[in-house]
Amino acid sequence: MKITPQQTQKLLSENQSFSQLGFSMMLTRLKSMYAKDPSQAFLEKSTGEINTFLDKFKSIMASDYDIILKL
């Protein structure tokens, strides 16, 4: 499970609902930080953090990953 910086930008710019609370909390934190620093460097850092989370919790993130793939 790997997402692209373009998908990360959509995640941080749009409002989606996800079933996993931990993932939603991470996105909320990243969204507030992205609002203050909408740079490409922060977007790349966020992509890495999201990919790490998805890789670590891939067994419970399957349904949410389907939503992310449609972005």
N, C-alpha and C. Protein backbone atom coordinates (compact mmCIF):
# COMPACT_ATOMS: atom_id res chain seq x y z
N MET A 1 0.84 -1.18 0.00
CA MET A 1 0.00 0.00 0.00
C MET A 1 0.89 1.24 0.00
N LYS A 2 0.91 1.93 -1.07
CA LYS A 2 1.66 3.19 -1.16
C LYS A 2 0.77 4.22 -1.84
N ILE A 3 0.75 5.43 -1.28
CA ILE A 3 0.00 6.49 -1.92
C ILE A 3 0.97 7.52 -2.48
N THR A 4 0.49 8.32 -3.40
CA THR A 4 1.32 9.31 -4.07
C THR A 4 1.15 10.67 -3.38
N PRO A 5 2.07 11.60 -3.65
CA PRO A 5 1.90 12.95 -3.10
C PRO A 5 0.59 13.62 -3.57
N GLN A 6 0.14 13.30 -4.78
CA GLN A 6 -1.12 13.86 -5.26
C GLN A 6 -2.29 13.36 -4.42
N GLN A 7 -2.27 12.07 -4.08
CA GLN A 7 -3.33 11.52 -3.22
C GLN A 7 -3.25 12.13 -1.83
N THR A 8 -2.03 12.34 -1.35
CA THR A 8 -1.84 12.96 -0.03
C THR A 8 -2.42 14.36 -0.04
N GLN A 9 -2.19 15.12 -1.09
CA GLN A 9 -2.71 16.47 -1.17
C GLN A 9 -4.23 16.45 -1.12
N LYS A 10 -4.86 15.51 -1.80
CA LYS A 10 -6.32 15.39 -1.74
C LYS A 10 -6.79 15.02 -0.34
N LEU A 11 -6.06 14.11 0.31
CA LEU A 11 -6.42 13.73 1.67
C LEU A 11 -6.36 14.92 2.62
N LEU A 12 -5.35 15.78 2.42
CA LEU A 12 -5.16 16.92 3.31
C LEU A 12 -6.02 18.12 2.93
N SER A 13 -6.63 18.09 1.76
CA SER A 13 -7.44 19.22 1.30
C SER A 13 -8.93 18.95 1.35
N GLU A 14 -9.31 17.68 1.27
CA GLU A 14 -10.72 17.33 1.21
C GLU A 14 -11.14 16.66 2.52
N ASN A 15 -12.45 16.52 2.69
CA ASN A 15 -12.98 15.85 3.88
C ASN A 15 -13.55 14.50 3.51
N GLN A 16 -12.91 13.46 3.98
CA GLN A 16 -13.39 12.11 3.81
C GLN A 16 -13.58 11.49 5.19
N SER A 17 -14.40 10.45 5.25
CA SER A 17 -14.59 9.72 6.49
C SER A 17 -13.91 8.37 6.37
N PHE A 18 -13.19 8.00 7.42
CA PHE A 18 -12.49 6.73 7.46
C PHE A 18 -12.92 5.96 8.70
N SER A 19 -12.88 4.64 8.59
CA SER A 19 -13.34 3.81 9.70
C SER A 19 -12.33 3.71 10.83
N GLN A 20 -11.05 3.89 10.54
CA GLN A 20 -10.02 3.75 11.57
C GLN A 20 -9.75 5.09 12.25
N LEU A 21 -10.01 5.14 13.55
CA LEU A 21 -9.86 6.36 14.32
C LEU A 21 -8.42 6.88 14.29
N GLY A 22 -7.45 5.99 14.42
CA GLY A 22 -6.05 6.41 14.42
C GLY A 22 -5.67 7.10 13.12
N PHE A 23 -6.14 6.59 12.01
CA PHE A 23 -5.85 7.19 10.71
C PHE A 23 -6.52 8.56 10.60
N SER A 24 -7.76 8.65 11.06
CA SER A 24 -8.48 9.92 11.02
C SER A 24 -7.80 10.97 11.89
N MET A 25 -7.31 10.55 13.05
CA MET A 25 -6.62 11.50 13.94
C MET A 25 -5.31 11.98 13.32
N MET A 26 -4.58 11.07 12.68
CA MET A 26 -3.34 11.46 12.02
C MET A 26 -3.64 12.47 10.90
N LEU A 27 -4.68 12.22 10.12
CA LEU A 27 -5.04 13.15 9.04
C LEU A 27 -5.45 14.51 9.58
N THR A 28 -6.18 14.54 10.67
CA THR A 28 -6.58 15.81 11.28
C THR A 28 -5.36 16.62 11.68
N ARG A 29 -4.38 15.96 12.29
CA ARG A 29 -3.14 16.64 12.69
C ARG A 29 -2.39 17.14 11.46
N LEU A 30 -2.26 16.29 10.44
CA LEU A 30 -1.54 16.69 9.23
C LEU A 30 -2.27 17.81 8.49
N LYS A 31 -3.60 17.78 8.48
CA LYS A 31 -4.36 18.84 7.81
C LYS A 31 -4.10 20.19 8.44
N SER A 32 -4.07 20.25 9.77
CA SER A 32 -3.83 21.53 10.44
C SER A 32 -2.41 22.02 10.18
N MET A 33 -1.46 21.11 10.14
CA MET A 33 -0.08 21.49 9.85
C MET A 33 0.07 21.91 8.38
N TYR A 34 -0.63 21.23 7.49
CA TYR A 34 -0.57 21.55 6.06
C TYR A 34 -1.19 22.92 5.78
N ALA A 35 -2.22 23.28 6.53
CA ALA A 35 -2.84 24.59 6.37
C ALA A 35 -1.85 25.71 6.70
N LYS A 36 -0.95 25.45 7.64
CA LYS A 36 0.06 26.44 8.02
C LYS A 36 1.28 26.41 7.10
N ASP A 37 1.56 25.25 6.51
CA ASP A 37 2.75 25.08 5.67
C ASP A 37 2.41 24.22 4.45
N PRO A 38 1.77 24.82 3.43
CA PRO A 38 1.37 24.04 2.25
C PRO A 38 2.50 23.84 1.22
N SER A 39 3.69 23.57 1.71
CA SER A 39 4.84 23.41 0.82
C SER A 39 4.93 21.98 0.28
N GLN A 40 5.70 21.84 -0.79
CA GLN A 40 5.94 20.52 -1.38
C GLN A 40 6.72 19.65 -0.41
N ALA A 41 7.64 20.25 0.34
CA ALA A 41 8.44 19.49 1.30
C ALA A 41 7.54 18.87 2.38
N PHE A 42 6.58 19.64 2.89
CA PHE A 42 5.67 19.09 3.90
C PHE A 42 4.78 18.01 3.29
N LEU A 43 4.38 18.21 2.06
CA LEU A 43 3.56 17.21 1.38
C LEU A 43 4.31 15.89 1.25
N GLU A 44 5.58 15.95 0.89
CA GLU A 44 6.41 14.74 0.78
C GLU A 44 6.57 14.06 2.14
N LYS A 45 6.79 14.87 3.19
CA LYS A 45 6.93 14.33 4.53
C LYS A 45 5.63 13.64 4.97
N SER A 46 4.51 14.28 4.68
CA SER A 46 3.21 13.70 5.03
C SER A 46 2.95 12.41 4.26
N THR A 47 3.33 12.38 3.00
CA THR A 47 3.17 11.16 2.19
C THR A 47 3.93 10.01 2.84
N GLY A 48 5.14 10.28 3.27
CA GLY A 48 5.94 9.25 3.93
C GLY A 48 5.30 8.77 5.22
N GLU A 49 4.79 9.70 6.01
CA GLU A 49 4.16 9.33 7.27
C GLU A 49 2.90 8.51 7.05
N ILE A 50 2.09 8.90 6.07
CA ILE A 50 0.87 8.15 5.76
C ILE A 50 1.21 6.77 5.24
N ASN A 51 2.21 6.68 4.36
CA ASN A 51 2.61 5.38 3.82
C ASN A 51 3.14 4.46 4.92
N THR A 52 3.87 5.02 5.87
CA THR A 52 4.36 4.22 7.00
C THR A 52 3.19 3.68 7.82
N PHE A 53 2.21 4.54 8.07
CA PHE A 53 1.02 4.11 8.82
C PHE A 53 0.28 3.02 8.07
N LEU A 54 0.06 3.23 6.78
CA LEU A 54 -0.66 2.24 5.98
C LEU A 54 0.07 0.91 5.93
N ASP A 55 1.39 0.97 5.84
CA ASP A 55 2.17 -0.27 5.79
C ASP A 55 2.09 -1.01 7.13
N LYS A 56 2.17 -0.27 8.22
CA LYS A 56 2.15 -0.88 9.55
C LYS A 56 0.79 -1.50 9.88
N PHE A 57 -0.28 -0.84 9.44
CA PHE A 57 -1.63 -1.28 9.80
C PHE A 57 -2.42 -1.76 8.58
N LYS A 58 -1.74 -2.33 7.60
CA LYS A 58 -2.41 -2.71 6.35
C LYS A 58 -3.53 -3.71 6.55
N SER A 59 -3.43 -4.56 7.55
CA SER A 59 -4.47 -5.57 7.75
C SER A 59 -5.80 -4.95 8.19
N ILE A 60 -5.76 -3.84 8.92
CA ILE A 60 -7.01 -3.21 9.36
C ILE A 60 -7.40 -2.01 8.49
N MET A 61 -6.53 -1.62 7.57
CA MET A 61 -6.78 -0.44 6.75
C MET A 61 -7.33 -0.76 5.36
N ALA A 62 -7.67 -2.01 5.09
CA ALA A 62 -8.07 -2.41 3.74
C ALA A 62 -9.27 -1.61 3.22
N SER A 63 -10.31 -1.47 4.02
CA SER A 63 -11.51 -0.75 3.54
C SER A 63 -11.22 0.73 3.33
N ASP A 64 -10.42 1.32 4.22
CA ASP A 64 -10.07 2.73 4.06
C ASP A 64 -9.13 2.93 2.88
N TYR A 65 -8.27 1.97 2.62
CA TYR A 65 -7.35 2.08 1.50
C TYR A 65 -8.11 2.10 0.18
N ASP A 66 -9.22 1.39 0.12
CA ASP A 66 -10.07 1.42 -1.09
C ASP A 66 -10.57 2.84 -1.35
N ILE A 67 -10.92 3.56 -0.30
CA ILE A 67 -11.37 4.96 -0.44
C ILE A 67 -10.22 5.82 -0.95
N ILE A 68 -9.05 5.61 -0.40
CA ILE A 68 -7.88 6.40 -0.79
C ILE A 68 -7.52 6.17 -2.25
N LEU A 69 -7.62 4.94 -2.71
CA LEU A 69 -7.30 4.62 -4.11
C LEU A 69 -8.19 5.36 -5.10
N LYS A 70 -9.41 5.71 -4.69
CA LYS A 70 -10.34 6.39 -5.58
C LYS A 70 -10.06 7.88 -5.69
N LEU A 71 -9.13 8.40 -4.89
CA LEU A 71 -8.82 9.84 -4.94
C LEU A 71 -8.10 10.20 -6.22
